[in-house]
ModelCIF file with pLDDT and N, C-alpha, C, O atoms, coordinates in Angstrom:
data_MODEL
#
_entry.id   MODEL 
#
_entity.id                         1 
_entity.type                       polymer 
_entity.pdbx_number_of_molecules   1 
#
_entity_poly.entity_id                      1 
_entity_poly.type                           'polypeptide(L)' 
_entity_poly.nstd_linkage                   no 
_entity_poly.nstd_monomer                   no 
_entity_poly.pdbx_seq_one_letter_code       TRTLGETYHPLRLNSRPPTVVLLVGLHGTGKTTT 
_entity_poly.pdbx_seq_one_letter_code_can   TRTLGETYHPLRLNSRPPTVVLLVGLHGTGKTTT 
_entity_poly.pdbx_strand_id                 A 
#
loop_
_entity_poly_seq.entity_id 
_entity_poly_seq.num 
_entity_poly_seq.mon_id 
_entity_poly_seq.hetero 
1 1  THR n 
1 2  ARG n 
1 3  THR n 
1 4  LEU n 
1 5  GLY n 
1 6  GLU n 
1 7  THR n 
1 8  TYR n 
1 9  HIS n 
1 10 PRO n 
1 11 LEU n 
1 12 ARG n 
1 13 LEU n 
1 14 ASN n 
1 15 SER n 
1 16 ARG n 
1 17 PRO n 
1 18 PRO n 
1 19 THR n 
1 20 VAL n 
1 21 VAL n 
1 22 LEU n 
1 23 LEU n 
1 24 VAL n 
1 25 GLY n 
1 26 LEU n 
1 27 HIS n 
1 28 GLY n 
1 29 THR n 
1 30 GLY n 
1 31 LYS n 
1 32 THR n 
1 33 THR n 
1 34 THR n 
#
_struct_asym.id          A 
_struct_asym.entity_id   1 
#
loop_
_ma_qa_metric.id 
_ma_qa_metric.mode 
_ma_qa_metric.name 
_ma_qa_metric.software_group_id 
_ma_qa_metric.type 
1 global pLDDT . pLDDT 
2 local  pLDDT . pLDDT 
#
_ma_qa_metric_global.metric_id      1 
_ma_qa_metric_global.metric_value   84.47 
_ma_qa_metric_global.model_id       1 
_ma_qa_metric_global.ordinal_id     1 
#
loop_
_ma_qa_metric_local.label_asym_id 
_ma_qa_metric_local.label_comp_id 
_ma_qa_metric_local.label_seq_id 
_ma_qa_metric_local.metric_id 
_ma_qa_metric_local.metric_value 
_ma_qa_metric_local.model_id 
_ma_qa_metric_local.ordinal_id 
A THR 1  2 86.00 1 1  
A ARG 2  2 87.00 1 2  
A THR 3  2 84.00 1 3  
A LEU 4  2 79.00 1 4  
A GLY 5  2 84.00 1 5  
A GLU 6  2 83.00 1 6  
A THR 7  2 86.00 1 7  
A TYR 8  2 83.00 1 8  
A HIS 9  2 83.00 1 9  
A PRO 10 2 86.00 1 10 
A LEU 11 2 87.00 1 11 
A ARG 12 2 89.00 1 12 
A LEU 13 2 90.00 1 13 
A ASN 14 2 89.00 1 14 
A SER 15 2 87.00 1 15 
A ARG 16 2 87.00 1 16 
A PRO 17 2 85.00 1 17 
A PRO 18 2 88.00 1 18 
A THR 19 2 89.00 1 19 
A VAL 20 2 89.00 1 20 
A VAL 21 2 89.00 1 21 
A LEU 22 2 88.00 1 22 
A LEU 23 2 86.00 1 23 
A VAL 24 2 84.00 1 24 
A GLY 25 2 80.00 1 25 
A LEU 26 2 78.00 1 26 
A HIS 27 2 76.00 1 27 
A GLY 28 2 76.00 1 28 
A THR 29 2 76.00 1 29 
A GLY 30 2 81.00 1 30 
A LYS 31 2 84.00 1 31 
A THR 32 2 84.00 1 32 
A THR 33 2 83.00 1 33 
A THR 34 2 86.00 1 34 
#
loop_
_atom_site.group_PDB 
_atom_site.id 
_atom_site.type_symbol 
_atom_site.label_atom_id 
_atom_site.label_alt_id 
_atom_site.label_comp_id 
_atom_site.label_asym_id 
_atom_site.label_entity_id 
_atom_site.label_seq_id 
_atom_site.pdbx_PDB_ins_code 
_atom_site.Cartn_x 
_atom_site.Cartn_y 
_atom_site.Cartn_z 
_atom_site.occupancy 
_atom_site.B_iso_or_equiv 
_atom_site.pdbx_formal_charge 
_atom_site.auth_seq_id 
_atom_site.auth_comp_id 
_atom_site.auth_asym_id 
_atom_site.auth_atom_id 
_atom_site.pdbx_PDB_model_num 
ATOM 1   N N  . THR A 1 1  ? 106.456 53.892 189.881 1.00 86.00 ? 1  THR A N  1 
ATOM 2   C CA . THR A 1 1  ? 105.202 54.728 189.449 1.00 86.00 ? 1  THR A CA 1 
ATOM 3   C C  . THR A 1 1  ? 105.568 56.176 188.749 1.00 86.00 ? 1  THR A C  1 
ATOM 4   O O  . THR A 1 1  ? 104.851 56.741 187.924 1.00 86.00 ? 1  THR A O  1 
ATOM 5   N N  . ARG A 1 2  ? 106.742 56.626 189.213 1.00 87.00 ? 2  ARG A N  1 
ATOM 6   C CA . ARG A 1 2  ? 106.993 57.999 188.526 1.00 87.00 ? 2  ARG A CA 1 
ATOM 7   C C  . ARG A 1 2  ? 107.488 57.739 186.990 1.00 87.00 ? 2  ARG A C  1 
ATOM 8   O O  . ARG A 1 2  ? 107.227 58.554 186.106 1.00 87.00 ? 2  ARG A O  1 
ATOM 9   N N  . THR A 1 3  ? 108.163 56.636 186.761 1.00 84.00 ? 3  THR A N  1 
ATOM 10  C CA . THR A 1 3  ? 108.701 56.225 185.438 1.00 84.00 ? 3  THR A CA 1 
ATOM 11  C C  . THR A 1 3  ? 107.608 55.869 184.577 1.00 84.00 ? 3  THR A C  1 
ATOM 12  O O  . THR A 1 3  ? 107.593 56.307 183.426 1.00 84.00 ? 3  THR A O  1 
ATOM 13  N N  . LEU A 1 4  ? 106.621 55.066 185.036 1.00 79.00 ? 4  LEU A N  1 
ATOM 14  C CA . LEU A 1 4  ? 105.438 54.416 184.188 1.00 79.00 ? 4  LEU A CA 1 
ATOM 15  C C  . LEU A 1 4  ? 104.513 55.642 184.016 1.00 79.00 ? 4  LEU A C  1 
ATOM 16  O O  . LEU A 1 4  ? 103.850 55.706 182.981 1.00 79.00 ? 4  LEU A O  1 
ATOM 17  N N  . GLY A 1 5  ? 104.419 56.562 184.884 1.00 84.00 ? 5  GLY A N  1 
ATOM 18  C CA . GLY A 1 5  ? 103.343 57.654 184.927 1.00 84.00 ? 5  GLY A CA 1 
ATOM 19  C C  . GLY A 1 5  ? 102.187 57.600 186.099 1.00 84.00 ? 5  GLY A C  1 
ATOM 20  O O  . GLY A 1 5  ? 101.481 56.621 186.341 1.00 84.00 ? 5  GLY A O  1 
ATOM 21  N N  . GLU A 1 6  ? 102.159 58.675 186.669 1.00 83.00 ? 6  GLU A N  1 
ATOM 22  C CA . GLU A 1 6  ? 101.302 58.713 187.944 1.00 83.00 ? 6  GLU A CA 1 
ATOM 23  C C  . GLU A 1 6  ? 99.885  58.904 187.505 1.00 83.00 ? 6  GLU A C  1 
ATOM 24  O O  . GLU A 1 6  ? 99.012  58.742 188.358 1.00 83.00 ? 6  GLU A O  1 
ATOM 25  N N  . THR A 1 7  ? 99.622  59.151 186.571 1.00 86.00 ? 7  THR A N  1 
ATOM 26  C CA . THR A 1 7  ? 98.058  59.391 186.106 1.00 86.00 ? 7  THR A CA 1 
ATOM 27  C C  . THR A 1 7  ? 97.585  58.212 185.322 1.00 86.00 ? 7  THR A C  1 
ATOM 28  O O  . THR A 1 7  ? 98.265  57.834 184.368 1.00 86.00 ? 7  THR A O  1 
ATOM 29  N N  . TYR A 1 8  ? 96.533  57.627 185.625 1.00 83.00 ? 8  TYR A N  1 
ATOM 30  C CA . TYR A 1 8  ? 95.814  56.600 184.969 1.00 83.00 ? 8  TYR A CA 1 
ATOM 31  C C  . TYR A 1 8  ? 95.208  57.254 183.533 1.00 83.00 ? 8  TYR A C  1 
ATOM 32  O O  . TYR A 1 8  ? 94.570  58.304 183.456 1.00 83.00 ? 8  TYR A O  1 
ATOM 33  N N  . HIS A 1 9  ? 95.536  56.448 182.528 1.00 83.00 ? 9  HIS A N  1 
ATOM 34  C CA . HIS A 1 9  ? 94.910  56.728 181.249 1.00 83.00 ? 9  HIS A CA 1 
ATOM 35  C C  . HIS A 1 9  ? 94.110  55.592 180.756 1.00 83.00 ? 9  HIS A C  1 
ATOM 36  O O  . HIS A 1 9  ? 94.723  54.599 180.365 1.00 83.00 ? 9  HIS A O  1 
ATOM 37  N N  . PRO A 1 10 ? 92.891  55.606 180.726 1.00 86.00 ? 10 PRO A N  1 
ATOM 38  C CA . PRO A 1 10 ? 92.172  54.309 180.337 1.00 86.00 ? 10 PRO A CA 1 
ATOM 39  C C  . PRO A 1 10 ? 92.263  54.138 178.761 1.00 86.00 ? 10 PRO A C  1 
ATOM 40  O O  . PRO A 1 10 ? 92.456  55.085 177.998 1.00 86.00 ? 10 PRO A O  1 
ATOM 41  N N  . LEU A 1 11 ? 92.094  52.764 178.348 1.00 87.00 ? 11 LEU A N  1 
ATOM 42  C CA . LEU A 1 11 ? 92.226  52.586 177.071 1.00 87.00 ? 11 LEU A CA 1 
ATOM 43  C C  . LEU A 1 11 ? 91.150  53.233 176.133 1.00 87.00 ? 11 LEU A C  1 
ATOM 44  O O  . LEU A 1 11 ? 89.942  53.110 176.334 1.00 87.00 ? 11 LEU A O  1 
ATOM 45  N N  . ARG A 1 12 ? 91.695  53.933 175.091 1.00 89.00 ? 12 ARG A N  1 
ATOM 46  C CA . ARG A 1 12 ? 90.870  54.763 174.380 1.00 89.00 ? 12 ARG A CA 1 
ATOM 47  C C  . ARG A 1 12 ? 90.303  53.671 173.083 1.00 89.00 ? 12 ARG A C  1 
ATOM 48  O O  . ARG A 1 12 ? 90.994  53.103 172.237 1.00 89.00 ? 12 ARG A O  1 
ATOM 49  N N  . LEU A 1 13 ? 88.992  53.624 173.250 1.00 90.00 ? 13 LEU A N  1 
ATOM 50  C CA . LEU A 1 13 ? 88.429  52.666 172.120 1.00 90.00 ? 13 LEU A CA 1 
ATOM 51  C C  . LEU A 1 13 ? 87.735  53.459 171.123 1.00 90.00 ? 13 LEU A C  1 
ATOM 52  O O  . LEU A 1 13 ? 87.117  54.459 171.489 1.00 90.00 ? 13 LEU A O  1 
ATOM 53  N N  . ASN A 1 14 ? 87.772  53.106 169.852 1.00 89.00 ? 14 ASN A N  1 
ATOM 54  C CA . ASN A 1 14 ? 87.125  53.918 168.701 1.00 89.00 ? 14 ASN A CA 1 
ATOM 55  C C  . ASN A 1 14 ? 85.657  54.037 169.136 1.00 89.00 ? 14 ASN A C  1 
ATOM 56  O O  . ASN A 1 14 ? 85.180  53.162 169.858 1.00 89.00 ? 14 ASN A O  1 
ATOM 57  N N  . SER A 1 15 ? 84.871  55.151 168.701 1.00 87.00 ? 15 SER A N  1 
ATOM 58  C CA . SER A 1 15 ? 83.561  55.288 168.861 1.00 87.00 ? 15 SER A CA 1 
ATOM 59  C C  . SER A 1 15 ? 82.700  54.007 167.967 1.00 87.00 ? 15 SER A C  1 
ATOM 60  O O  . SER A 1 15 ? 81.725  53.364 168.355 1.00 87.00 ? 15 SER A O  1 
ATOM 61  N N  . ARG A 1 16 ? 83.350  53.917 166.809 1.00 87.00 ? 16 ARG A N  1 
ATOM 62  C CA . ARG A 1 16 ? 82.728  53.105 165.883 1.00 87.00 ? 16 ARG A CA 1 
ATOM 63  C C  . ARG A 1 16 ? 83.916  51.616 165.733 1.00 87.00 ? 16 ARG A C  1 
ATOM 64  O O  . ARG A 1 16 ? 85.052  51.745 165.278 1.00 87.00 ? 16 ARG A O  1 
ATOM 65  N N  . PRO A 1 17 ? 83.420  50.461 166.153 1.00 85.00 ? 17 PRO A N  1 
ATOM 66  C CA . PRO A 1 17 ? 84.281  49.418 165.993 1.00 85.00 ? 17 PRO A CA 1 
ATOM 67  C C  . PRO A 1 17 ? 84.780  49.295 164.663 1.00 85.00 ? 17 PRO A C  1 
ATOM 68  O O  . PRO A 1 17 ? 84.087  49.779 163.768 1.00 85.00 ? 17 PRO A O  1 
ATOM 69  N N  . PRO A 1 18 ? 85.864  48.733 164.366 1.00 88.00 ? 18 PRO A N  1 
ATOM 70  C CA . PRO A 1 18 ? 86.711  48.050 165.280 1.00 88.00 ? 18 PRO A CA 1 
ATOM 71  C C  . PRO A 1 18 ? 87.845  48.804 165.965 1.00 88.00 ? 18 PRO A C  1 
ATOM 72  O O  . PRO A 1 18 ? 88.315  49.756 165.342 1.00 88.00 ? 18 PRO A O  1 
ATOM 73  N N  . THR A 1 19 ? 88.332  48.519 167.122 1.00 89.00 ? 19 THR A N  1 
ATOM 74  C CA . THR A 1 19 ? 89.550  49.328 167.624 1.00 89.00 ? 19 THR A CA 1 
ATOM 75  C C  . THR A 1 19 ? 90.661  47.987 167.627 1.00 89.00 ? 19 THR A C  1 
ATOM 76  O O  . THR A 1 19 ? 90.470  46.915 168.200 1.00 89.00 ? 19 THR A O  1 
ATOM 77  N N  . VAL A 1 20 ? 91.727  48.330 166.912 1.00 89.00 ? 20 VAL A N  1 
ATOM 78  C CA . VAL A 1 20 ? 92.647  47.281 166.879 1.00 89.00 ? 20 VAL A CA 1 
ATOM 79  C C  . VAL A 1 20 ? 93.932  47.548 167.958 1.00 89.00 ? 20 VAL A C  1 
ATOM 80  O O  . VAL A 1 20 ? 94.565  48.595 168.097 1.00 89.00 ? 20 VAL A O  1 
ATOM 81  N N  . VAL A 1 21 ? 94.106  46.305 168.649 1.00 89.00 ? 21 VAL A N  1 
ATOM 82  C CA . VAL A 1 21 ? 95.248  46.515 169.621 1.00 89.00 ? 21 VAL A CA 1 
ATOM 83  C C  . VAL A 1 21 ? 96.282  45.317 169.360 1.00 89.00 ? 21 VAL A C  1 
ATOM 84  O O  . VAL A 1 21 ? 96.049  44.109 169.420 1.00 89.00 ? 21 VAL A O  1 
ATOM 85  N N  . LEU A 1 22 ? 97.392  45.917 169.079 1.00 88.00 ? 22 LEU A N  1 
ATOM 86  C CA . LEU A 1 22 ? 98.583  44.907 168.551 1.00 88.00 ? 22 LEU A CA 1 
ATOM 87  C C  . LEU A 1 22 ? 99.438  44.715 169.785 1.00 88.00 ? 22 LEU A C  1 
ATOM 88  O O  . LEU A 1 22 ? 99.881  45.698 170.379 1.00 88.00 ? 22 LEU A O  1 
ATOM 89  N N  . LEU A 1 23 ? 99.685  43.465 170.194 1.00 86.00 ? 23 LEU A N  1 
ATOM 90  C CA . LEU A 1 23 ? 100.665 43.402 171.316 1.00 86.00 ? 23 LEU A CA 1 
ATOM 91  C C  . LEU A 1 23 ? 101.996 42.817 170.554 1.00 86.00 ? 23 LEU A C  1 
ATOM 92  O O  . LEU A 1 23 ? 101.859 41.896 169.749 1.00 86.00 ? 23 LEU A O  1 
ATOM 93  N N  . VAL A 1 24 ? 103.027 43.263 170.774 1.00 84.00 ? 24 VAL A N  1 
ATOM 94  C CA . VAL A 1 24 ? 104.393 42.958 170.168 1.00 84.00 ? 24 VAL A CA 1 
ATOM 95  C C  . VAL A 1 24 ? 105.337 42.924 171.459 1.00 84.00 ? 24 VAL A C  1 
ATOM 96  O O  . VAL A 1 24 ? 105.292 43.691 172.421 1.00 84.00 ? 24 VAL A O  1 
ATOM 97  N N  . GLY A 1 25 ? 106.150 41.915 171.257 1.00 80.00 ? 25 GLY A N  1 
ATOM 98  C CA . GLY A 1 25 ? 107.345 41.709 172.474 1.00 80.00 ? 25 GLY A CA 1 
ATOM 99  C C  . GLY A 1 25 ? 107.970 40.490 171.998 1.00 80.00 ? 25 GLY A C  1 
ATOM 100 O O  . GLY A 1 25 ? 107.693 39.892 170.958 1.00 80.00 ? 25 GLY A O  1 
ATOM 101 N N  . LEU A 1 26 ? 109.038 40.114 173.062 1.00 78.00 ? 26 LEU A N  1 
ATOM 102 C CA . LEU A 1 26 ? 109.865 38.966 172.783 1.00 78.00 ? 26 LEU A CA 1 
ATOM 103 C C  . LEU A 1 26 ? 109.050 37.695 173.344 1.00 78.00 ? 26 LEU A C  1 
ATOM 104 O O  . LEU A 1 26 ? 108.021 37.802 174.011 1.00 78.00 ? 26 LEU A O  1 
ATOM 105 N N  . HIS A 1 27 ? 109.594 36.598 173.017 1.00 76.00 ? 27 HIS A N  1 
ATOM 106 C CA . HIS A 1 27 ? 108.872 35.371 173.450 1.00 76.00 ? 27 HIS A CA 1 
ATOM 107 C C  . HIS A 1 27 ? 108.939 35.294 175.045 1.00 76.00 ? 27 HIS A C  1 
ATOM 108 O O  . HIS A 1 27 ? 109.901 35.645 175.728 1.00 76.00 ? 27 HIS A O  1 
ATOM 109 N N  . GLY A 1 28 ? 107.709 34.757 175.514 1.00 76.00 ? 28 GLY A N  1 
ATOM 110 C CA . GLY A 1 28 ? 107.673 34.700 177.064 1.00 76.00 ? 28 GLY A CA 1 
ATOM 111 C C  . GLY A 1 28 ? 107.496 35.908 177.704 1.00 76.00 ? 28 GLY A C  1 
ATOM 112 O O  . GLY A 1 28 ? 107.718 35.919 178.915 1.00 76.00 ? 28 GLY A O  1 
ATOM 113 N N  . THR A 1 29 ? 107.133 36.969 177.144 1.00 76.00 ? 29 THR A N  1 
ATOM 114 C CA . THR A 1 29 ? 107.038 38.174 178.055 1.00 76.00 ? 29 THR A CA 1 
ATOM 115 C C  . THR A 1 29 ? 105.491 38.354 178.272 1.00 76.00 ? 29 THR A C  1 
ATOM 116 O O  . THR A 1 29 ? 105.158 39.466 178.681 1.00 76.00 ? 29 THR A O  1 
ATOM 117 N N  . GLY A 1 30 ? 104.603 37.531 178.083 1.00 81.00 ? 30 GLY A N  1 
ATOM 118 C CA . GLY A 1 30 ? 103.162 37.747 178.511 1.00 81.00 ? 30 GLY A CA 1 
ATOM 119 C C  . GLY A 1 30 ? 102.158 38.410 177.630 1.00 81.00 ? 30 GLY A C  1 
ATOM 120 O O  . GLY A 1 30 ? 101.178 38.989 178.098 1.00 81.00 ? 30 GLY A O  1 
ATOM 121 N N  . LYS A 1 31 ? 102.417 38.319 176.286 1.00 84.00 ? 31 LYS A N  1 
ATOM 122 C CA . LYS A 1 31 ? 101.582 39.008 175.304 1.00 84.00 ? 31 LYS A CA 1 
ATOM 123 C C  . LYS A 1 31 ? 100.240 38.110 175.318 1.00 84.00 ? 31 LYS A C  1 
ATOM 124 O O  . LYS A 1 31 ? 99.163  38.632 175.608 1.00 84.00 ? 31 LYS A O  1 
ATOM 125 N N  . THR A 1 32 ? 100.320 37.047 175.065 1.00 84.00 ? 32 THR A N  1 
ATOM 126 C CA . THR A 1 32 ? 99.133  36.042 174.996 1.00 84.00 ? 32 THR A CA 1 
ATOM 127 C C  . THR A 1 32 ? 98.124  36.177 176.211 1.00 84.00 ? 32 THR A C  1 
ATOM 128 O O  . THR A 1 32 ? 96.903  36.273 176.090 1.00 84.00 ? 32 THR A O  1 
ATOM 129 N N  . THR A 1 33 ? 98.862  36.168 177.450 1.00 83.00 ? 33 THR A N  1 
ATOM 130 C CA . THR A 1 33 ? 98.168  36.274 178.732 1.00 83.00 ? 33 THR A CA 1 
ATOM 131 C C  . THR A 1 33 ? 97.437  37.753 178.790 1.00 83.00 ? 33 THR A C  1 
ATOM 132 O O  . THR A 1 33 ? 96.266  37.929 179.127 1.00 83.00 ? 33 THR A O  1 
ATOM 133 N N  . THR A 1 34 ? 98.308  38.711 178.417 1.00 86.00 ? 34 THR A N  1 
ATOM 134 C CA . THR A 1 34 ? 97.744  40.184 178.530 1.00 86.00 ? 34 THR A CA 1 
ATOM 135 C C  . THR A 1 34 ? 96.522  40.184 177.538 1.00 86.00 ? 34 THR A C  1 
ATOM 136 O O  . THR A 1 34 ? 95.849  41.203 177.386 1.00 86.00 ? 34 THR A O  1 
#
């Protein structure tokens, strides 16, 4: 909790769409599921 952050920060979306979210990582780390 200390390492990742103790304060919740919600996802900030653009007021006018689109908001682009790119997920990057190694194979098998859960990007598609996320």
